[in-house]
Amino acid sequence: MPGVVERSGVVDRAGWVRANTGSFASLMSKLETELLDQVMPPGGGLAKATMALANRWVTTRQLGFLLGFMGTRVLGQYDLALLSTEAAPGRLLFVEENIRSTARALGVPIGPFRTWIALHETTHAFEFEAHPWLRPYLAERLERQLALFGKDARGLGREALRGLGRSIRGESGGEHWIERMMGPEQRALFRETQAVMSLLEGFSDYVMDEVGRDLVPDVERISERFHERRNQRSSFERAMLRLTGMDLKIEQYRKGEKFVRAIAEHRGRHALARLWEGPQTLPRDGEIEAPQRWIARVLDGSPA
């Protein structure tokens, strides 16, 4: 992957926030436009402009809160601005403050831990740069998701707030509060996209452990302690993760790694290459939890 190493950098927490502000602001701006178009008549005049300013004031503070919370937890990132108007190449970012503090908390040596984290993020770079169809595929789905969100949110807001309250209390009932803001079409798209994101995170987790056996001293202990810590969170942390939606990402790691490992164990590591042939071989909704369904559909050619 020529150029990826040259497009890497080490940042502190504030640097990570600065690096991501543009991407998050672009996402919020598109979402704001969709919502205003739904709740205000065409034109809208002064009323629409006033609502836009008020909404932007609230959104800016929400964005600052979200980035601040995430900035204390992110270890590394393959930064790929899906909504950017220009297809700028991705870059690797590593948050040294968080890597050091996490290594201390785990009681593991910093050097091997850095290498282990770098394996995860460079695997993300491989996923996108070795398979150029993946970026526009995900970007198109995100654009559709935002358009549908604007259409659905007006009628589903109260239900979403009730769902958010239940989720923060740990009473989700199997459906994430974010899904309660969606109509049927958007929910189906969201779940399909979640399956792809689970693959991306799970594949990277699988590689960091398997390749790490040859590159990272004592990788088994590092991995075990890291995953134990991931699963042991305070009530406040769990509530914050649900509120920000980051609990979905944590679930992606677990489900995706289990899915990838099952394919490798049943059909060999060479079978994993089939995952990246194109959109048709990506896991569909329900296949992440049942890898045999993906094996039957893609490897054995059974009808979906």
C-alpha atoms as a PDB file:
ATOM      1  CA  MET A   1       0.000   0.000   0.000  1.00  0.00           C
ATOM      2  CA  PRO A   2       2.322   2.745  -1.208  1.00  0.00           C
ATOM      3  CA  GLY A   3       1.863   6.091   0.470  1.00  0.00           C
ATOM      4  CA  VAL A   4      -0.054   4.945   3.547  1.00  0.00           C
ATOM      5  CA  VAL A   5       2.948   5.109   5.866  1.00  0.00           C
ATOM      6  CA  GLU A   6       3.787   8.586   4.556  1.00  0.00           C
ATOM      7  CA  ARG A   7       0.205   9.642   5.332  1.00  0.00           C
ATOM      8  CA  SER A   8       0.444   8.711   9.005  1.00  0.00           C
ATOM      9  CA  GLY A   9       0.814  10.937  12.020  1.00  0.00           C
ATOM     10  CA  VAL A  10       0.934  10.941  15.803  1.00  0.00           C
ATOM     11  CA  VAL A  11      -1.378  13.434  17.522  1.00  0.00           C
ATOM     12  CA  ASP A  12      -2.526  14.353  20.995  1.00  0.00           C
ATOM     13  CA  ARG A  13      -6.200  14.401  21.973  1.00  0.00           C
ATOM     14  CA  ALA A  14      -6.698  17.979  20.824  1.00  0.00           C
ATOM     15  CA  GLY A  15      -5.032  17.123  17.525  1.00  0.00           C
ATOM     16  CA  TRP A  16      -7.416  14.218  16.991  1.00  0.00           C
ATOM     17  CA  VAL A  17     -10.399  16.486  17.663  1.00  0.00           C
ATOM     18  CA  ARG A  18      -9.085  19.062  15.172  1.00  0.00           C
ATOM     19  CA  ALA A  19      -8.492  16.366  12.563  1.00  0.00           C
ATOM     20  CA  ASN A  20     -12.076  15.114  12.852  1.00  0.00           C
ATOM     21  CA  THR A  21     -13.962  18.372  13.276  1.00  0.00           C
ATOM     22  CA  GLY A  22     -14.311  18.911   9.524  1.00  0.00           C
ATOM     23  CA  SER A  23     -15.690  15.431   8.843  1.00  0.00           C
ATOM     24  CA  PHE A  24     -18.202  15.606  11.690  1.00  0.00           C
ATOM     25  CA  ALA A  25     -19.225  19.153  10.753  1.00  0.00           C
ATOM     26  CA  SER A  26     -19.889  18.025   7.172  1.00  0.00           C
ATOM     27  CA  LEU A  27     -22.063  15.197   8.464  1.00  0.00           C
ATOM     28  CA  MET A  28     -23.993  17.515  10.780  1.00  0.00           C
ATOM     29  CA  SER A  29     -24.453  20.098   8.022  1.00  0.00           C
ATOM     30  CA  LYS A  30     -25.993  17.571   5.653  1.00  0.00           C
ATOM     31  CA  LEU A  31     -28.233  16.287   8.437  1.00  0.00           C
ATOM     32  CA  GLU A  32     -29.312  19.816   9.334  1.00  0.00           C
ATOM     33  CA  THR A  33     -30.244  20.543   5.718  1.00  0.00           C
ATOM     34  CA  GLU A  34     -32.356  17.392   5.476  1.00  0.00           C
ATOM     35  CA  LEU A  35     -34.196  18.151   8.733  1.00  0.00           C
ATOM     36  CA  LEU A  36     -34.882  21.815   7.914  1.00  0.00           C
ATOM     37  CA  ASP A  37     -36.250  20.887   4.507  1.00  0.00           C
ATOM     38  CA  GLN A  38     -38.725  18.585   6.238  1.00  0.00           C
ATOM     39  CA  VAL A  39     -39.976  20.917   8.974  1.00  0.00           C
ATOM     40  CA  MET A  40     -39.995  24.225   7.055  1.00  0.00           C
ATOM     41  CA  PRO A  41     -41.823  25.105   3.837  1.00  0.00           C
ATOM     42  CA  PRO A  42     -39.876  25.837   0.641  1.00  0.00           C
ATOM     43  CA  GLY A  43     -38.194  29.207   0.880  1.00  0.00           C
ATOM     44  CA  GLY A  44     -38.842  29.623   4.585  1.00  0.00           C
ATOM     45  CA  GLY A  45     -37.391  33.122   4.738  1.00  0.00           C
ATOM     46  CA  LEU A  46     -36.437  34.567   8.116  1.00  0.00           C
ATOM     47  CA  ALA A  47     -38.064  31.769  10.116  1.00  0.00           C
ATOM     48  CA  LYS A  48     -36.008  29.118   8.386  1.00  0.00           C
ATOM     49  CA  ALA A  49     -32.804  31.138   8.768  1.00  0.00           C
ATOM     50  CA  THR A  50     -33.508  31.667  12.485  1.00  0.00           C
ATOM     51  CA  MET A  51     -34.179  27.978  13.017  1.00  0.00           C
ATOM     52  CA  ALA A  52     -30.984  27.111  11.144  1.00  0.00           C
ATOM     53  CA  LEU A  53     -28.930  29.406  13.398  1.00  0.00           C
ATOM     54  CA  ALA A  54     -30.499  28.004  16.562  1.00  0.00           C
ATOM     55  CA  ASN A  55     -30.019  24.457  15.375  1.00  0.00           C
ATOM     56  CA  ARG A  56     -26.391  25.171  14.479  1.00  0.00           C
ATOM     57  CA  TRP A  57     -25.767  26.611  17.955  1.00  0.00           C
ATOM     58  CA  VAL A  58     -27.085  23.444  19.607  1.00  0.00           C
ATOM     59  CA  THR A  59     -25.357  21.157  17.120  1.00  0.00           C
ATOM     60  CA  THR A  60     -21.981  22.837  17.624  1.00  0.00           C
ATOM     61  CA  ARG A  61     -22.147  22.148  21.332  1.00  0.00           C
ATOM     62  CA  GLN A  62     -23.307  18.585  20.827  1.00  0.00           C
ATOM     63  CA  LEU A  63     -20.480  18.052  18.352  1.00  0.00           C
ATOM     64  CA  GLY A  64     -17.940  19.451  20.799  1.00  0.00           C
ATOM     65  CA  PHE A  65     -19.233  17.150  23.527  1.00  0.00           C
ATOM     66  CA  LEU A  66     -19.126  14.087  21.261  1.00  0.00           C
ATOM     67  CA  LEU A  67     -15.639  14.791  19.935  1.00  0.00           C
ATOM     68  CA  GLY A  68     -14.364  15.553  23.420  1.00  0.00           C
ATOM     69  CA  PHE A  69     -15.719  12.261  24.740  1.00  0.00           C
ATOM     70  CA  MET A  70     -14.360  10.245  21.828  1.00  0.00           C
ATOM     71  CA  GLY A  71     -11.019  12.053  21.906  1.00  0.00           C
ATOM     72  CA  THR A  72     -10.217  10.588  25.318  1.00  0.00           C
ATOM     73  CA  ARG A  73     -10.815   7.029  24.089  1.00  0.00           C
ATOM     74  CA  VAL A  74      -9.654   6.706  20.483  1.00  0.00           C
ATOM     75  CA  LEU A  75      -6.266   4.985  20.147  1.00  0.00           C
ATOM     76  CA  GLY A  76      -5.864   5.080  16.386  1.00  0.00           C
ATOM     77  CA  GLN A  77      -7.845   5.802  13.253  1.00  0.00           C
ATOM     78  CA  TYR A  78      -7.729   5.313   9.519  1.00  0.00           C
ATOM     79  CA  ASP A  79      -9.202   8.702   8.686  1.00  0.00           C
ATOM     80  CA  LEU A  80     -11.368   8.483   5.578  1.00  0.00           C
ATOM     81  CA  ALA A  81     -13.700  11.431   4.960  1.00  0.00           C
ATOM     82  CA  LEU A  82     -16.557   9.649   3.202  1.00  0.00           C
ATOM     83  CA  LEU A  83     -18.610  12.821   2.741  1.00  0.00           C
ATOM     84  CA  SER A  84     -15.739  14.948   1.468  1.00  0.00           C
ATOM     85  CA  THR A  85     -16.375  16.604  -1.899  1.00  0.00           C
ATOM     86  CA  GLU A  86     -12.851  15.634  -2.909  1.00  0.00           C
ATOM     87  CA  ALA A  87     -11.720  12.017  -2.737  1.00  0.00           C
ATOM     88  CA  ALA A  88      -8.694  12.765  -0.569  1.00  0.00           C
ATOM     89  CA  PRO A  89      -6.597   9.720   0.332  1.00  0.00           C
ATOM     90  CA  GLY A  90      -7.047   8.277   3.797  1.00  0.00           C
ATOM     91  CA  ARG A  91      -4.479   8.804   6.510  1.00  0.00           C
ATOM     92  CA  LEU A  92      -3.453   6.993   9.673  1.00  0.00           C
ATOM     93  CA  LEU A  93      -3.684   8.819  12.990  1.00  0.00           C
ATOM     94  CA  PHE A  94      -2.458   7.565  16.356  1.00  0.00           C
ATOM     95  CA  VAL A  95      -3.402   9.290  19.618  1.00  0.00           C
ATOM     96  CA  GLU A  96      -0.241   8.872  21.682  1.00  0.00           C
ATOM     97  CA  GLU A  97      -1.769  10.137  24.942  1.00  0.00           C
ATOM     98  CA  ASN A  98      -4.464   7.478  24.831  1.00  0.00           C
ATOM     99  CA  ILE A  99      -2.121   4.703  23.715  1.00  0.00           C
ATOM    100  CA  ARG A 100       0.225   5.404  26.624  1.00  0.00           C
ATOM    101  CA  SER A 101      -2.531   5.700  29.227  1.00  0.00           C
ATOM    102  CA  THR A 102      -4.207   2.506  28.001  1.00  0.00           C
ATOM    103  CA  ALA A 103      -0.942   0.553  28.052  1.00  0.00           C
ATOM    104  CA  ARG A 104      -0.359   1.714  31.643  1.00  0.00           C
ATOM    105  CA  ALA A 105      -3.891   0.747  32.669  1.00  0.00           C
ATOM    106  CA  LEU A 106      -3.461  -2.703  31.116  1.00  0.00           C
ATOM    107  CA  GLY A 107      -0.004  -3.185  32.573  1.00  0.00           C
ATOM    108  CA  VAL A 108       1.523  -4.058  29.189  1.00  0.00           C
ATOM    109  CA  PRO A 109       4.734  -2.745  27.539  1.00  0.00           C
ATOM    110  CA  ILE A 110       4.168   0.306  25.371  1.00  0.00           C
ATOM    111  CA  GLY A 111       6.224  -0.818  22.344  1.00  0.00           C
ATOM    112  CA  PRO A 112       4.378  -4.066  21.578  1.00  0.00           C
ATOM    113  CA  PHE A 113       1.054  -2.378  22.369  1.00  0.00           C
ATOM    114  CA  ARG A 114       1.769   0.366  19.824  1.00  0.00           C
ATOM    115  CA  THR A 115       2.563  -2.254  17.177  1.00  0.00           C
ATOM    116  CA  TRP A 116      -0.631  -4.135  17.975  1.00  0.00           C
ATOM    117  CA  ILE A 117      -2.770  -0.999  17.572  1.00  0.00           C
ATOM    118  CA  ALA A 118      -0.923  -0.099  14.353  1.00  0.00           C
ATOM    119  CA  LEU A 119      -1.818  -3.528  12.926  1.00  0.00           C
ATOM    120  CA  HIS A 120      -5.506  -2.804  13.440  1.00  0.00           C
ATOM    121  CA  GLU A 121      -5.435   0.598  11.748  1.00  0.00           C
ATOM    122  CA  THR A 122      -3.212  -0.429   8.831  1.00  0.00           C
ATOM    123  CA  THR A 123      -5.624  -3.296   8.198  1.00  0.00           C
ATOM    124  CA  HIS A 124      -8.352  -0.676   7.762  1.00  0.00           C
ATOM    125  CA  ALA A 125      -6.086   1.055   5.248  1.00  0.00           C
ATOM    126  CA  PHE A 126      -5.748  -2.260   3.396  1.00  0.00           C
ATOM    127  CA  GLU A 127      -9.514  -2.766   3.380  1.00  0.00           C
ATOM    128  CA  PHE A 128     -10.115   0.534   1.590  1.00  0.00           C
ATOM    129  CA  GLU A 129      -6.983   1.098  -0.480  1.00  0.00           C
ATOM    130  CA  ALA A 130      -6.689  -2.429  -1.847  1.00  0.00           C
ATOM    131  CA  HIS A 131     -10.422  -2.442  -2.696  1.00  0.00           C
ATOM    132  CA  PRO A 132     -11.241   0.968  -4.226  1.00  0.00           C
ATOM    133  CA  TRP A 133     -14.926   0.090  -4.731  1.00  0.00           C
ATOM    134  CA  LEU A 134     -15.501   0.089  -0.958  1.00  0.00           C
ATOM    135  CA  ARG A 135     -15.209   3.826  -0.310  1.00  0.00           C
ATOM    136  CA  PRO A 136     -17.823   5.001  -2.858  1.00  0.00           C
ATOM    137  CA  TYR A 137     -20.057   2.096  -1.839  1.00  0.00           C
ATOM    138  CA  LEU A 138     -20.122   3.223   1.802  1.00  0.00           C
ATOM    139  CA  ALA A 139     -20.325   6.917   0.874  1.00  0.00           C
ATOM    140  CA  GLU A 140     -23.423   6.296  -1.248  1.00  0.00           C
ATOM    141  CA  ARG A 141     -25.080   4.390   1.589  1.00  0.00           C
ATOM    142  CA  LEU A 142     -24.294   7.158   4.061  1.00  0.00           C
ATOM    143  CA  GLU A 143     -25.816   9.760   1.728  1.00  0.00           C
ATOM    144  CA  ARG A 144     -28.970   7.646   1.412  1.00  0.00           C
ATOM    145  CA  GLN A 145     -29.066   7.168   5.181  1.00  0.00           C
ATOM    146  CA  LEU A 146     -28.955  10.923   5.774  1.00  0.00           C
ATOM    147  CA  ALA A 147     -31.668  11.606   3.204  1.00  0.00           C
ATOM    148  CA  LEU A 148     -33.942   8.988   4.754  1.00  0.00           C
ATOM    149  CA  PHE A 149     -33.206  10.263   8.252  1.00  0.00           C
ATOM    150  CA  GLY A 150     -34.459  13.701   7.343  1.00  0.00           C
ATOM    151  CA  LYS A 151     -37.651  12.198   5.942  1.00  0.00           C
ATOM    152  CA  ASP A 152     -38.305   9.890   8.889  1.00  0.00           C
ATOM    153  CA  ALA A 153     -37.186  11.911  11.911  1.00  0.00           C
ATOM    154  CA  ARG A 154     -40.116  14.345  12.015  1.00  0.00           C
ATOM    155  CA  GLY A 155     -42.691  11.672  12.766  1.00  0.00           C
ATOM    156  CA  LEU A 156     -40.524   9.454  14.948  1.00  0.00           C
ATOM    157  CA  GLY A 157     -38.876  11.942  17.306  1.00  0.00           C
ATOM    158  CA  ARG A 158     -40.975  11.210  20.418  1.00  0.00           C
ATOM    159  CA  GLU A 159     -40.533   7.476  20.072  1.00  0.00           C
ATOM    160  CA  ALA A 160     -36.787   8.004  19.649  1.00  0.00           C
ATOM    161  CA  LEU A 161     -36.602  10.055  22.863  1.00  0.00           C
ATOM    162  CA  ARG A 162     -38.468   7.370  24.782  1.00  0.00           C
ATOM    163  CA  GLY A 163     -36.119   4.777  23.319  1.00  0.00           C
ATOM    164  CA  LEU A 164     -33.095   6.879  24.294  1.00  0.00           C
ATOM    165  CA  GLY A 165     -34.263   7.032  27.899  1.00  0.00           C
ATOM    166  CA  ARG A 166     -34.763   3.278  28.021  1.00  0.00           C
ATOM    167  CA  SER A 167     -31.366   2.697  26.403  1.00  0.00           C
ATOM    168  CA  ILE A 168     -29.512   4.890  28.917  1.00  0.00           C
ATOM    169  CA  ARG A 169     -31.192   2.904  31.702  1.00  0.00           C
ATOM    170  CA  GLY A 170     -30.098  -0.336  30.017  1.00  0.00           C
ATOM    171  CA  GLU A 171     -33.654  -1.285  28.980  1.00  0.00           C
ATOM    172  CA  SER A 172     -33.211  -1.300  25.199  1.00  0.00           C
ATOM    173  CA  GLY A 173     -35.352  -4.363  24.520  1.00  0.00           C
ATOM    174  CA  GLY A 174     -33.092  -5.496  21.693  1.00  0.00           C
ATOM    175  CA  GLU A 175     -33.435  -2.392  19.490  1.00  0.00           C
ATOM    176  CA  HIS A 176     -31.018   0.533  19.675  1.00  0.00           C
ATOM    177  CA  TRP A 177     -32.531   3.949  20.366  1.00  0.00           C
ATOM    178  CA  ILE A 178     -31.049   5.249  17.116  1.00  0.00           C
ATOM    179  CA  GLU A 179     -33.147   2.743  15.179  1.00  0.00           C
ATOM    180  CA  ARG A 180     -36.284   4.197  16.763  1.00  0.00           C
ATOM    181  CA  MET A 181     -35.663   7.376  14.757  1.00  0.00           C
ATOM    182  CA  MET A 182     -35.894   5.401  11.520  1.00  0.00           C
ATOM    183  CA  GLY A 183     -38.665   4.250   9.273  1.00  0.00           C
ATOM    184  CA  PRO A 184     -38.662   0.709   7.838  1.00  0.00           C
ATOM    185  CA  GLU A 185     -36.593   1.552   4.739  1.00  0.00           C
ATOM    186  CA  GLN A 186     -33.930   3.408   6.690  1.00  0.00           C
ATOM    187  CA  ARG A 187     -33.814   0.732   9.395  1.00  0.00           C
ATOM    188  CA  ALA A 188     -33.162  -1.974   6.798  1.00  0.00           C
ATOM    189  CA  LEU A 189     -30.396   0.131   5.219  1.00  0.00           C
ATOM    190  CA  PHE A 190     -28.914   0.861   8.643  1.00  0.00           C
ATOM    191  CA  ARG A 191     -28.757  -2.816   9.579  1.00  0.00           C
ATOM    192  CA  GLU A 192     -27.165  -3.757   6.268  1.00  0.00           C
ATOM    193  CA  THR A 193     -24.539  -1.044   6.749  1.00  0.00           C
ATOM    194  CA  GLN A 194     -23.948  -2.209  10.318  1.00  0.00           C
ATOM    195  CA  ALA A 195     -23.139  -5.659   8.943  1.00  0.00           C
ATOM    196  CA  VAL A 196     -20.474  -4.150   6.672  1.00  0.00           C
ATOM    197  CA  MET A 197     -19.026  -2.056   9.506  1.00  0.00           C
ATOM    198  CA  SER A 198     -18.901  -5.163  11.694  1.00  0.00           C
ATOM    199  CA  LEU A 199     -16.886  -6.870   8.969  1.00  0.00           C
ATOM    200  CA  LEU A 200     -14.432  -3.954   8.754  1.00  0.00           C
ATOM    201  CA  GLU A 201     -13.836  -3.853  12.501  1.00  0.00           C
ATOM    202  CA  GLY A 202     -13.910  -7.611  13.002  1.00  0.00           C
ATOM    203  CA  PHE A 203     -11.488  -8.288  10.156  1.00  0.00           C
ATOM    204  CA  SER A 204      -9.046  -5.761  11.624  1.00  0.00           C
ATOM    205  CA  ASP A 205      -9.369  -7.318  15.083  1.00  0.00           C
ATOM    206  CA  TYR A 206      -8.758 -10.771  13.595  1.00  0.00           C
ATOM    207  CA  VAL A 207      -5.642  -9.600  11.733  1.00  0.00           C
ATOM    208  CA  MET A 208      -4.162  -7.759  14.724  1.00  0.00           C
ATOM    209  CA  ASP A 209      -4.300 -10.972  16.764  1.00  0.00           C
ATOM    210  CA  GLU A 210      -3.338 -13.487  14.069  1.00  0.00           C
ATOM    211  CA  VAL A 211      -0.572 -11.475  12.403  1.00  0.00           C
ATOM    212  CA  GLY A 212       0.397 -10.195  15.823  1.00  0.00           C
ATOM    213  CA  ARG A 213       1.477 -13.696  16.834  1.00  0.00           C
ATOM    214  CA  ASP A 214       4.550 -13.219  14.640  1.00  0.00           C
ATOM    215  CA  LEU A 215       5.108  -9.492  15.207  1.00  0.00           C
ATOM    216  CA  VAL A 216       3.998  -8.587  18.727  1.00  0.00           C
ATOM    217  CA  PRO A 217       5.673 -10.125  21.790  1.00  0.00           C
ATOM    218  CA  ASP A 218       3.148 -11.529  24.285  1.00  0.00           C
ATOM    219  CA  VAL A 219       0.241 -10.635  22.006  1.00  0.00           C
ATOM    220  CA  GLU A 220      -2.102 -13.102  23.714  1.00  0.00           C
ATOM    221  CA  ARG A 221      -1.755 -11.326  27.064  1.00  0.00           C
ATOM    222  CA  ILE A 222      -2.137  -7.893  25.475  1.00  0.00           C
ATOM    223  CA  SER A 223      -5.271  -8.960  23.607  1.00  0.00           C
ATOM    224  CA  GLU A 224      -6.798 -10.662  26.640  1.00  0.00           C
ATOM    225  CA  ARG A 225      -6.303  -7.664  28.918  1.00  0.00           C
ATOM    226  CA  PHE A 226      -7.492  -5.214  26.279  1.00  0.00           C
ATOM    227  CA  HIS A 227     -10.729  -7.091  25.665  1.00  0.00           C
ATOM    228  CA  GLU A 228     -11.319  -7.582  29.382  1.00  0.00           C
ATOM    229  CA  ARG A 229     -11.041  -3.827  29.850  1.00  0.00           C
ATOM    230  CA  ARG A 230     -13.364  -3.207  26.908  1.00  0.00           C
ATOM    231  CA  ASN A 231     -16.016  -5.330  28.630  1.00  0.00           C
ATOM    232  CA  GLN A 232     -15.549  -3.862  32.120  1.00  0.00           C
ATOM    233  CA  ARG A 233     -17.001  -0.364  32.142  1.00  0.00           C
ATOM    234  CA  SER A 234     -18.664   1.737  34.785  1.00  0.00           C
ATOM    235  CA  SER A 235     -22.385   2.481  34.655  1.00  0.00           C
ATOM    236  CA  PHE A 236     -21.565   6.046  33.586  1.00  0.00           C
ATOM    237  CA  GLU A 237     -19.338   4.855  30.738  1.00  0.00           C
ATOM    238  CA  ARG A 238     -21.982   2.409  29.515  1.00  0.00           C
ATOM    239  CA  ALA A 239     -24.625   5.137  29.566  1.00  0.00           C
ATOM    240  CA  MET A 240     -22.347   7.528  27.668  1.00  0.00           C
ATOM    241  CA  LEU A 241     -21.540   4.890  25.066  1.00  0.00           C
ATOM    242  CA  ARG A 242     -25.237   4.228  24.486  1.00  0.00           C
ATOM    243  CA  LEU A 243     -26.009   7.953  24.338  1.00  0.00           C
ATOM    244  CA  THR A 244     -23.324   8.638  21.717  1.00  0.00           C
ATOM    245  CA  GLY A 245     -23.949   5.442  19.741  1.00  0.00           C
ATOM    246  CA  MET A 246     -20.405   4.234  20.380  1.00  0.00           C
ATOM    247  CA  ASP A 247     -21.816   1.056  21.922  1.00  0.00           C
ATOM    248  CA  LEU A 248     -22.715   0.026  18.371  1.00  0.00           C
ATOM    249  CA  LYS A 249     -19.063   0.256  17.348  1.00  0.00           C
ATOM    250  CA  ILE A 250     -17.961  -1.864  20.300  1.00  0.00           C
ATOM    251  CA  GLU A 251     -20.532  -4.468  19.324  1.00  0.00           C
ATOM    252  CA  GLN A 252     -19.154  -4.382  15.766  1.00  0.00           C
ATOM    253  CA  TYR A 253     -15.738  -5.486  17.024  1.00  0.00           C
ATOM    254  CA  ARG A 254     -17.156  -8.474  18.876  1.00  0.00           C
ATOM    255  CA  LYS A 255     -19.614  -9.699  16.255  1.00  0.00           C
ATOM    256  CA  GLY A 256     -17.329  -9.018  13.302  1.00  0.00           C
ATOM    257  CA  GLU A 257     -14.301 -10.783  14.752  1.00  0.00           C
ATOM    258  CA  LYS A 258     -16.422 -13.819  15.591  1.00  0.00           C
ATOM    259  CA  PHE A 259     -17.791 -13.857  12.026  1.00  0.00           C
ATOM    260  CA  VAL A 260     -14.356 -13.605  10.372  1.00  0.00           C
ATOM    261  CA  ARG A 261     -12.827 -16.215  12.664  1.00  0.00           C
ATOM    262  CA  ALA A 262     -15.660 -18.651  11.940  1.00  0.00           C
ATOM    263  CA  ILE A 263     -15.046 -18.394   8.175  1.00  0.00           C
ATOM    264  CA  ALA A 264     -11.296 -18.886   8.610  1.00  0.00           C
ATOM    265  CA  GLU A 265     -11.814 -21.896  10.864  1.00  0.00           C
ATOM    266  CA  HIS A 266     -14.412 -23.583   8.645  1.00  0.00           C
ATOM    267  CA  ARG A 267     -12.969 -22.801   5.199  1.00  0.00           C
ATOM    268  CA  GLY A 268      -9.407 -21.578   5.736  1.00  0.00           C
ATOM    269  CA  ARG A 269      -7.887 -18.113   5.680  1.00  0.00           C
ATOM    270  CA  HIS A 270      -7.868 -18.043   1.878  1.00  0.00           C
ATOM    271  CA  ALA A 271     -11.681 -17.901   1.980  1.00  0.00           C
ATOM    272  CA  LEU A 272     -11.500 -14.464   3.603  1.00  0.00           C
ATOM    273  CA  ALA A 273     -10.388 -12.980   0.273  1.00  0.00           C
ATOM    274  CA  ARG A 274     -13.919 -13.584  -1.039  1.00  0.00           C
ATOM    275  CA  LEU A 275     -15.236 -10.985   1.398  1.00  0.00           C
ATOM    276  CA  TRP A 276     -13.610  -8.179  -0.594  1.00  0.00           C
ATOM    277  CA  GLU A 277     -14.592  -9.073  -4.166  1.00  0.00           C
ATOM    278  CA  GLY A 278     -17.422  -6.563  -4.305  1.00  0.00           C
ATOM    279  CA  PRO A 279     -20.716  -5.482  -2.720  1.00  0.00           C
ATOM    280  CA  GLN A 280     -22.334  -8.809  -3.597  1.00  0.00           C
ATOM    281  CA  THR A 281     -19.957 -10.772  -1.346  1.00  0.00           C
ATOM    282  CA  LEU A 282     -20.229  -8.484   1.681  1.00  0.00           C
ATOM    283  CA  PRO A 283     -22.193  -9.933   4.602  1.00  0.00           C
ATOM    284  CA  ARG A 284     -25.868  -9.074   4.627  1.00  0.00           C
ATOM    285  CA  ASP A 285     -28.129  -8.324   7.565  1.00  0.00           C
ATOM    286  CA  GLY A 286     -28.299 -11.465   9.706  1.00  0.00           C
ATOM    287  CA  GLU A 287     -25.201 -13.113   8.226  1.00  0.00           C
ATOM    288  CA  ILE A 288     -22.770 -11.564  10.721  1.00  0.00           C
ATOM    289  CA  GLU A 289     -24.559 -13.458  13.492  1.00  0.00           C
ATOM    290  CA  ALA A 290     -24.843 -16.583  11.320  1.00  0.00           C
ATOM    291  CA  PRO A 291     -21.611 -16.980   9.295  1.00  0.00           C
ATOM    292  CA  GLN A 292     -22.786 -20.307   7.877  1.00  0.00           C
ATOM    293  CA  ARG A 293     -25.407 -18.362   5.909  1.00  0.00           C
ATOM    294  CA  TRP A 294     -22.661 -16.278   4.288  1.00  0.00           C
ATOM    295  CA  ILE A 295     -20.615 -19.420   3.606  1.00  0.00           C
ATOM    296  CA  ALA A 296     -23.607 -21.076   1.957  1.00  0.00           C
ATOM    297  CA  ARG A 297     -24.478 -18.019  -0.161  1.00  0.00           C
ATOM    298  CA  VAL A 298     -20.992 -16.898  -1.243  1.00  0.00           C
ATOM    299  CA  LEU A 299     -18.693 -19.912  -1.009  1.00  0.00           C
ATOM    300  CA  ASP A 300     -21.175 -22.651  -1.848  1.00  0.00           C
ATOM    301  CA  GLY A 301     -23.328 -20.663  -4.254  1.00  0.00           C
ATOM    302  CA  SER A 302     -26.625 -21.383  -2.524  1.00  0.00           C
ATOM    303  CA  PRO A 303     -29.464 -18.990  -3.400  1.00  0.00           C
ATOM    304  CA  ALA A 304     -29.946 -16.199  -0.842  1.00  0.00           C
END
